[in-house]
Protein backbone atom coordinates (compact mmCIF):
# COMPACT_ATOMS: atom_id res chain seq x y z
CA MET A 1 42.38 -4.02 -10.05
CA SER A 2 43.08 -7.90 -9.59
CA LEU A 3 46.41 -7.02 -7.80
CA LEU A 4 44.68 -4.79 -5.44
CA LEU A 5 42.29 -7.31 -4.65
CA HIS A 6 44.75 -10.09 -4.25
CA ILE A 7 46.83 -7.96 -1.77
CA ALA A 8 43.72 -6.67 0.21
CA PHE A 9 42.42 -10.27 0.39
CA ARG A 10 45.78 -11.51 1.74
CA TYR A 11 45.82 -8.92 4.40
CA LEU A 12 42.24 -9.87 5.26
CA ILE A 13 42.93 -13.44 5.91
CA SER A 14 46.56 -13.45 6.96
CA LYS A 15 47.62 -13.59 10.58
CA LYS A 16 48.43 -10.18 12.07
CA SER A 17 51.35 -9.45 14.49
CA HIS A 18 48.86 -8.04 16.98
CA ASN A 19 46.03 -10.39 17.85
CA ALA A 20 43.80 -7.54 18.81
CA ILE A 21 43.49 -6.69 15.05
CA ASN A 22 42.22 -10.05 14.27
CA ILE A 23 39.61 -9.87 17.18
CA ILE A 24 38.47 -6.42 16.15
CA SER A 25 38.15 -7.38 12.47
CA ALA A 26 36.34 -10.58 13.45
CA ILE A 27 34.00 -8.48 15.66
CA SER A 28 33.29 -6.09 12.85
CA GLY A 29 32.50 -8.92 10.46
CA VAL A 30 30.18 -10.70 13.02
CA GLY A 31 28.45 -7.48 13.66
CA VAL A 32 27.77 -6.89 10.04
CA CYS A 33 26.69 -10.36 9.49
CA VAL A 34 24.19 -10.27 12.33
CA GLY A 35 23.02 -6.85 11.13
CA ALA A 36 22.32 -7.84 7.64
CA MET A 37 20.54 -11.11 8.57
CA ALA A 38 18.40 -9.09 10.99
CA LEU A 39 17.51 -6.43 8.24
CA VAL A 40 16.64 -9.14 5.70
CA VAL A 41 14.45 -11.15 8.16
CA ILE A 42 12.70 -7.96 9.56
CA LEU A 43 11.94 -6.37 6.23
CA SER A 44 10.53 -9.81 5.12
CA VAL A 45 8.35 -10.09 8.26
CA PHE A 46 6.67 -6.65 7.52
CA ASN A 47 6.16 -7.87 3.87
CA GLY A 48 4.56 -10.94 5.18
CA PHE A 49 2.32 -9.07 7.53
CA GLY A 50 1.41 -6.59 4.73
CA SER A 51 0.33 -9.40 2.38
CA LEU A 52 -1.59 -11.11 5.30
CA VAL A 53 -3.34 -8.15 6.15
CA GLN A 54 -4.14 -7.27 2.57
CA GLY A 55 -5.35 -10.86 2.02
CA GLN A 56 -7.81 -10.56 4.93
CA PHE A 57 -9.12 -7.22 3.52
CA SER A 58 -9.50 -8.75 0.19
CA ASN A 59 -11.72 -11.55 1.66
CA PHE A 60 -14.02 -8.71 2.92
CA ASP A 61 -13.67 -5.77 0.59
CA PRO A 62 -14.77 -5.51 -3.04
CA ASP A 63 -12.57 -4.89 -5.96
CA LEU A 64 -13.74 -1.16 -6.31
CA LYS A 65 -15.91 0.91 -4.10
CA ILE A 66 -17.73 4.10 -5.15
CA GLN A 67 -18.64 6.92 -2.67
CA LYS A 68 -19.71 10.42 -2.80
CA ILE A 69 -17.15 12.95 -2.45
CA GLU A 70 -19.35 15.61 -0.72
CA GLY A 71 -22.17 14.44 1.24
CA LYS A 72 -22.83 10.97 2.30
CA THR A 73 -25.81 9.37 0.45
CA PHE A 74 -26.68 9.22 -3.24
CA PHE A 75 -29.40 7.50 -5.48
CA ALA A 76 -29.20 4.90 -8.13
CA GLU A 77 -29.87 7.32 -10.80
CA ASP A 78 -26.95 9.61 -9.72
CA VAL A 79 -24.58 6.92 -10.71
CA LYS A 80 -26.67 5.64 -13.67
CA LEU A 81 -26.74 2.13 -12.02
CA SER A 82 -28.44 0.45 -14.77
CA GLU A 83 -25.83 1.43 -17.18
CA LEU A 84 -22.93 0.77 -14.84
CA ARG A 85 -24.05 -2.84 -14.53
CA LYS A 86 -23.60 -3.25 -18.28
CA ILE A 87 -20.16 -2.11 -18.36
CA VAL A 88 -17.72 -4.79 -19.88
CA GLY A 89 -15.63 -6.06 -16.83
CA VAL A 90 -18.25 -5.54 -14.26
CA GLU A 91 -19.36 -8.65 -12.77
CA ARG A 92 -21.50 -7.90 -9.81
CA VAL A 93 -22.58 -4.48 -8.19
CA CYS A 94 -23.78 -4.41 -4.46
CA GLU A 95 -25.63 -1.47 -3.07
CA VAL A 96 -24.56 -0.63 0.46
CA VAL A 97 -25.83 1.27 3.35
CA GLN A 98 -23.49 1.73 6.26
CA GLU A 99 -24.31 3.77 9.36
CA ASN A 100 -23.45 3.95 13.16
CA ALA A 101 -25.89 2.40 15.52
CA LEU A 102 -26.41 1.06 18.96
CA PHE A 103 -26.48 -2.70 19.59
CA GLN A 104 -28.31 -4.30 22.72
CA TYR A 105 -28.21 -7.99 23.40
CA GLU A 106 -29.93 -8.98 26.78
CA ASP A 107 -28.39 -6.48 29.25
CA ARG A 108 -25.37 -5.51 27.17
CA GLN A 109 -25.01 -2.48 24.90
CA GLU A 110 -22.38 -1.64 22.34
CA THR A 111 -21.96 1.10 19.68
CA GLY A 112 -20.95 -0.18 16.22
CA VAL A 113 -21.48 -0.03 12.49
CA VAL A 114 -24.46 -1.54 10.59
CA LYS A 115 -23.60 -2.57 7.03
CA GLY A 116 -26.57 -3.30 4.90
CA VAL A 117 -25.93 -5.30 1.82
CA THR A 118 -27.55 -7.44 -0.71
CA GLU A 119 -27.21 -11.34 -0.86
CA ASP A 120 -24.61 -10.71 -3.76
CA PHE A 121 -22.18 -9.43 -1.14
CA GLY A 122 -21.47 -13.02 -0.07
CA LYS A 123 -20.88 -13.91 -3.82
CA MET A 124 -18.61 -10.82 -4.79
CA THR A 125 -16.40 -11.08 -1.84
CA ASP A 126 -14.76 -14.05 0.07
CA VAL A 127 -16.60 -13.23 3.27
CA GLU A 128 -17.30 -16.99 3.75
CA LYS A 129 -13.63 -17.68 4.33
CA THR A 130 -13.66 -15.17 7.29
CA LEU A 131 -16.52 -16.98 9.07
CA LEU A 132 -15.36 -18.62 12.20
CA GLY A 133 -18.88 -20.16 12.74
CA GLY A 134 -22.35 -20.20 11.39
CA GLU A 135 -23.25 -19.18 7.81
CA PHE A 136 -23.57 -16.02 5.67
CA LEU A 137 -27.42 -15.54 5.92
CA LEU A 138 -29.12 -12.29 6.00
CA ARG A 139 -32.89 -13.30 5.47
CA HIS A 140 -35.00 -16.28 5.49
CA GLY A 141 -38.73 -15.95 4.96
CA ASP A 142 -39.75 -12.97 7.31
CA ILE A 143 -36.89 -13.38 9.62
CA ASP A 144 -33.88 -10.91 9.54
CA TYR A 145 -30.38 -12.35 10.38
CA ALA A 146 -27.18 -10.61 10.77
CA VAL A 147 -23.35 -11.67 10.56
CA GLY A 148 -21.19 -10.00 13.48
CA GLY A 149 -17.61 -9.40 13.97
CA VAL A 150 -15.95 -11.88 16.39
CA GLY A 151 -14.85 -9.02 18.92
CA LEU A 152 -18.56 -7.56 18.91
CA ALA A 153 -19.92 -11.12 19.61
CA ALA A 154 -17.48 -11.68 22.32
CA ASN A 155 -18.19 -8.17 24.03
CA MET A 156 -21.96 -8.68 23.93
CA GLY A 157 -22.04 -12.31 24.55
CA PHE A 158 -24.19 -13.58 21.44
CA ARG A 159 -23.40 -16.48 19.04
CA HIS A 160 -24.73 -17.75 15.89
CA PHE A 161 -28.45 -19.09 15.82
CA PHE A 162 -28.97 -18.21 19.57
CA ASN A 163 -32.72 -17.53 20.09
CA THR A 164 -32.30 -14.20 21.77
CA PRO A 165 -32.41 -11.43 19.13
CA ILE A 166 -29.90 -8.46 18.77
CA ARG A 167 -31.71 -5.17 19.04
CA ILE A 168 -30.47 -2.34 16.85
CA TYR A 169 -31.20 1.32 17.69
CA ALA A 170 -30.71 4.32 15.19
CA PRO A 171 -31.50 7.86 15.80
CA GLN A 172 -34.49 9.16 13.63
CA ARG A 173 -33.20 10.83 10.50
CA GLU A 174 -35.37 14.07 11.09
CA GLY A 175 -36.68 15.77 14.29
CA GLN A 176 -35.31 16.30 17.67
CA ILE A 177 -34.74 13.99 20.54
CA ASN A 178 -37.51 13.95 23.10
CA MET A 179 -35.98 14.07 26.56
CA ALA A 180 -39.22 12.85 28.16
CA ASN A 181 -39.25 9.75 25.96
CA PRO A 182 -35.70 9.24 24.52
CA GLU A 183 -36.58 5.79 23.26
CA GLY A 184 -39.24 7.56 20.99
CA SER A 185 -36.60 9.29 19.08
CA PHE A 186 -34.93 6.10 17.96
CA MET A 187 -35.82 3.60 15.22
CA MET A 188 -35.48 0.02 16.51
CA ASP A 189 -35.37 -3.39 14.82
CA TYR A 190 -33.98 -6.71 15.77
CA VAL A 191 -31.98 -9.60 14.08
CA TYR A 192 -30.81 -13.00 14.95
CA CYS A 193 -27.06 -13.87 14.52
CA SER A 194 -26.48 -16.32 11.74
CA GLY A 195 -22.60 -16.10 11.73
CA ILE A 196 -19.45 -14.76 13.19
CA PHE A 197 -16.54 -13.47 11.07
CA GLY A 198 -12.97 -12.43 11.95
CA VAL A 199 -10.48 -10.52 9.74
CA GLU A 200 -8.26 -9.56 12.85
CA GLN A 201 -9.04 -5.91 12.28
CA ALA A 202 -10.50 -3.98 14.94
CA GLU A 203 -12.68 -1.79 12.75
CA TYR A 204 -14.58 -4.84 11.48
CA ASP A 205 -14.22 -7.56 14.21
CA GLU A 206 -15.34 -5.27 17.25
CA LYS A 207 -17.69 -2.97 15.38
CA MET A 208 -19.47 -4.21 12.45
CA LEU A 209 -22.88 -6.11 11.96
CA ILE A 210 -23.78 -7.15 8.51
CA VAL A 211 -27.60 -6.96 7.85
CA ASP A 212 -30.04 -7.06 4.74
CA LEU A 213 -30.12 -3.94 2.71
CA GLN A 214 -33.83 -3.53 3.07
CA LEU A 215 -33.74 -3.63 6.81
CA ALA A 216 -30.72 -1.18 6.91
CA ARG A 217 -32.76 1.26 4.57
CA GLU A 218 -35.95 0.92 6.94
CA LEU A 219 -33.85 1.33 10.06
CA PHE A 220 -32.00 4.53 8.98
CA GLU A 221 -35.16 5.87 7.13
CA TYR A 222 -33.50 5.66 3.76
CA GLU A 223 -35.49 5.86 0.37
CA GLU A 224 -35.92 2.68 -1.69
CA ASP A 225 -32.84 3.23 -3.93
CA GLU A 226 -30.71 5.37 -1.68
CA MET A 227 -27.31 4.19 -0.45
CA THR A 228 -24.00 5.25 0.90
CA ALA A 229 -21.72 3.39 -1.35
CA LEU A 230 -21.68 1.00 -4.31
CA GLU A 231 -19.32 -2.08 -4.28
CA ILE A 232 -18.17 -3.67 -7.40
CA GLN A 233 -16.71 -7.06 -8.32
CA LEU A 234 -14.63 -7.16 -11.56
CA SER A 235 -14.64 -10.13 -13.92
CA SER A 236 -10.78 -9.69 -14.00
CA GLU A 237 -8.35 -7.76 -11.72
CA LYS A 238 -6.11 -7.19 -14.86
CA ALA A 239 -8.77 -4.92 -16.29
CA GLU A 240 -9.16 -2.77 -13.13
CA LYS A 241 -7.58 0.36 -14.71
CA GLU A 242 -9.71 0.14 -17.86
CA VAL A 243 -12.95 -0.42 -16.13
CA ARG A 244 -12.31 2.09 -13.44
CA GLU A 245 -11.81 4.73 -16.25
CA LYS A 246 -15.07 3.61 -17.72
CA ILE A 247 -16.94 4.11 -14.58
CA GLN A 248 -15.56 7.39 -13.73
CA THR A 249 -16.48 8.77 -17.03
CA LEU A 250 -20.01 7.45 -16.67
CA ILE A 251 -20.76 8.67 -13.04
CA GLY A 252 -18.81 12.00 -13.25
CA GLU A 253 -16.51 13.89 -11.02
CA GLY A 254 -18.69 14.05 -8.01
CA PHE A 255 -17.88 10.39 -6.88
CA GLN A 256 -14.63 8.81 -6.03
CA ILE A 257 -13.56 5.26 -6.89
CA LYS A 258 -11.21 3.11 -4.68
CA ASN A 259 -9.67 -0.20 -4.99
CA ARG A 260 -8.80 -2.57 -2.22
CA THR A 261 -5.70 -1.00 -1.23
CA GLU A 262 -6.95 2.71 -1.33
CA GLN A 263 -10.03 1.71 0.68
CA HIS A 264 -7.44 1.26 3.62
CA GLU A 265 -4.74 3.63 2.41
CA SER A 266 -4.01 5.03 5.76
CA TYR A 267 -3.51 1.62 7.30
CA PHE A 268 -0.99 0.47 4.59
CA ARG A 269 0.66 3.90 4.71
CA ILE A 270 1.19 3.45 8.46
CA MET A 271 2.63 -0.24 7.89
CA GLN A 272 5.13 1.22 5.36
CA VAL A 273 6.28 3.94 7.66
CA GLU A 274 6.72 1.40 10.39
CA LYS A 275 8.80 -0.90 7.99
CA TRP A 276 11.14 2.12 6.97
CA ILE A 277 11.58 3.56 10.40
CA THR A 278 12.55 0.02 11.45
CA TYR A 279 15.02 -0.16 8.69
CA LEU A 280 16.47 3.22 9.53
CA ILE A 281 16.89 2.02 13.20
CA LEU A 282 18.54 -1.20 12.27
CA SER A 283 20.82 0.61 9.77
CA PHE A 284 21.98 2.90 12.54
CA ILE A 285 22.76 0.00 14.67
CA LEU A 286 24.50 -1.72 11.78
CA LEU A 287 26.59 1.59 11.28
CA ILE A 288 27.84 1.43 14.84
CA ALA A 289 28.99 -2.26 14.23
CA ILE A 290 30.58 -1.18 10.97
CA PHE A 291 32.56 1.70 12.70
CA ASN A 292 34.62 -1.01 14.25
CA ILE A 293 36.34 -1.17 10.90
CA ILE A 294 37.92 2.17 11.39
CA GLY A 295 39.74 0.87 14.46
CA SER A 296 40.81 -2.44 12.90
CA LEU A 297 41.85 -0.77 9.78
CA SER A 298 43.91 1.92 11.46
CA MET A 299 45.72 -0.68 13.55
CA LEU A 300 46.28 -2.77 10.42
CA ILE A 301 47.91 0.21 8.62
CA MET A 302 50.39 0.81 11.68
CA ASP A 303 50.95 -3.00 11.62
CA LYS A 304 52.00 -2.85 8.01
CA GLU A 305 54.15 -0.02 8.00
CA ASP A 306 57.05 -2.05 6.71
CA ASP A 307 54.96 -3.43 3.87
CA ILE A 308 53.81 0.08 3.02
CA LYS A 309 57.53 1.16 2.63
CA THR A 310 58.39 -1.80 0.71
CA LEU A 311 55.52 -1.13 -1.72
CA ARG A 312 56.62 2.49 -1.99
CA ASN A 313 60.32 1.71 -2.80
CA LEU A 314 58.84 -0.73 -5.62
CA GLY A 315 57.32 2.49 -7.03
CA ALA A 316 53.89 2.04 -5.90
CA ARG A 317 52.00 5.45 -5.52
CA LYS A 318 50.39 6.65 -2.45
CA SER A 319 46.94 6.46 -4.26
CA LEU A 320 47.61 2.74 -4.94
CA ILE A 321 48.43 1.89 -1.37
CA GLN A 322 45.41 3.83 -0.05
CA ARG A 323 43.22 1.69 -2.47
CA ILE A 324 44.69 -1.49 -1.17
CA PHE A 325 44.03 -0.77 2.48
CA PHE A 326 40.46 0.75 1.34
CA LEU A 327 39.69 -2.65 -0.26
CA GLU A 328 40.84 -4.49 2.62
CA GLY A 329 38.41 -2.52 4.94
CA TRP A 330 35.58 -2.74 2.50
CA LEU A 331 35.94 -6.44 2.27
CA ILE A 332 35.32 -6.79 5.94
CA SER A 333 31.87 -5.24 5.66
CA PHE A 334 31.11 -6.94 2.25
CA VAL A 335 32.08 -10.49 3.26
CA GLY A 336 30.00 -10.03 6.51
CA ALA A 337 27.09 -8.69 4.52
CA ILE A 338 27.11 -11.48 2.06
CA ILE A 339 27.27 -14.21 4.84
CA GLY A 340 24.52 -12.41 6.76
CA VAL A 341 22.36 -11.95 3.82
CA VAL A 342 22.62 -15.66 2.88
CA ILE A 343 21.81 -16.54 6.43
CA GLY A 344 18.66 -14.30 6.45
CA VAL A 345 17.46 -15.56 3.03
CA VAL A 346 17.87 -19.07 4.25
CA LEU A 347 15.88 -18.40 7.40
CA CYS A 348 13.03 -16.66 5.47
CA VAL A 349 12.85 -19.53 2.94
CA ILE A 350 12.63 -22.12 5.76
CA GLN A 351 9.90 -20.25 7.27
CA MET A 352 8.02 -19.65 4.11
CA TYR A 353 8.06 -23.36 3.17
CA PHE A 354 7.93 -25.11 6.64
CA GLY A 355 6.27 -22.43 9.02
CA LEU A 356 8.35 -23.48 12.10
CA ILE A 357 7.35 -20.22 13.94
CA THR A 358 3.48 -20.00 14.42
CA MET A 359 1.15 -17.45 16.01
CA PRO A 360 -2.44 -17.69 17.01
CA GLY A 361 -5.02 -17.32 14.28
CA ALA A 362 -8.18 -15.19 14.19
CA ASP A 363 -10.16 -17.56 16.39
CA MET A 364 -7.30 -17.67 18.96
CA TYR A 365 -7.61 -21.49 19.03
CA THR A 366 -5.79 -22.38 15.65
CA MET A 367 -2.01 -21.62 14.97
CA ILE A 368 -0.89 -20.19 11.74
CA PRO A 369 2.74 -19.96 10.38
CA TYR A 370 4.23 -16.52 11.17
CA PRO A 371 3.85 -14.54 7.83
CA ILE A 372 7.02 -13.70 6.01
CA GLU A 373 7.53 -12.76 2.38
CA LEU A 374 11.01 -12.23 0.69
CA HIS A 375 11.56 -9.55 -1.78
CA PHE A 376 14.69 -9.34 -3.86
CA ILE A 377 14.49 -5.49 -3.69
CA ASP A 378 14.90 -5.60 0.14
CA VAL A 379 17.83 -7.98 -0.21
CA LEU A 380 19.44 -5.59 -2.76
CA LEU A 381 18.81 -2.76 -0.37
CA VAL A 382 20.44 -4.44 2.48
CA LEU A 383 23.50 -5.04 0.42
CA LEU A 384 23.70 -1.65 -0.99
CA THR A 385 23.24 -0.02 2.45
CA ILE A 386 26.16 -2.12 3.88
CA THR A 387 28.32 -1.59 0.90
CA VAL A 388 27.93 2.22 1.22
CA MET A 389 28.57 2.36 4.91
CA GLY A 390 31.34 -0.13 4.64
CA ALA A 391 32.98 2.11 1.90
CA PHE A 392 32.54 5.15 3.95
CA CYS A 393 34.08 3.54 7.12
CA ALA A 394 37.12 2.09 5.15
CA TRP A 395 37.74 5.66 3.49
CA ILE A 396 38.17 7.51 6.75
CA PRO A 397 41.48 5.72 7.95
CA THR A 398 43.00 5.15 4.50
CA ARG A 399 42.93 8.87 3.43
CA LYS A 400 45.49 9.74 6.28
CA ILE A 401 48.04 7.13 5.16
CA GLU A 402 51.53 8.79 5.06
CA CYS A 403 54.26 7.17 3.03
């Protein structure tokens, strides 16, 4: 095998009688190098954005979330709330009421989502890290406050600690709308904005208003211990599986438990689909570049006809000669892949540690480093992809060698 590699490597670096062979081989190598570099960088960018979004969701979402499988609301006794709080590994439990509503601020109106929570919500999540202004305050004395998404605040024109209240309208839970007096068919309450949050996700930033749980229950005519979800903070993320099984056993099969990733399963699935579709598109472009190997190797075989006859006269079998030229063609793609992967890894590491490329943050005023995250499995996948493609393109011309 060392003899085969020696001969193939000599053919790779030696000067050919026809300069066109050198040019086509160089173009093939450069094309593979650029394609490998692009694959490593782009896959790492998708990883970076995935981690960035997951981190933003983690600041806002609980470790575990319990919801009813059929129906929308349930009561504390349905999930044995008092026993659930005593489970080892459960740090905090927050009752949640979440419903659609109509918001009005001065002469502007927007539909959105009201999320009623207790004060523990600010302790069990890192919502304060998402605040762009103000503070996480839901009630002070007899005054109700709310924390709104940055998009909702921009659309309606309110800011934290403005004197004008935000009016919240919710349809009455029972009865029909009175067309003669439509406003009489709605429950109404008002809050003052205490803070603005931003997680760069439209479903939160442009729609959500976080209010006190008791206010939400009164607004939507819920009973004292009625809720739409239970949000749980764990004492340790490592114990998630064990605690989850204990909770499921306690509450029964009528409820579903979701971790942070499962709470946004469709979003992360779309990101993965986008990542692998991009990988397939770039791999197809890379395959076109590697196809140049077929042309350069075919011309090399014709250029080395005298060498082929010499090897044949020395007793080399046809299969040995085919393997020599196969290795020579494969080396073109492999060397290009190694160089491209190294360049791609270096670019990723530079961006990860120095953040040379930036983008606007959540408040559009600050700049944050472009997210990038290098995974060894992606580097391995790029090398494997190019190795297989290079081997296939090298095999096509070598199988037709006649000697």
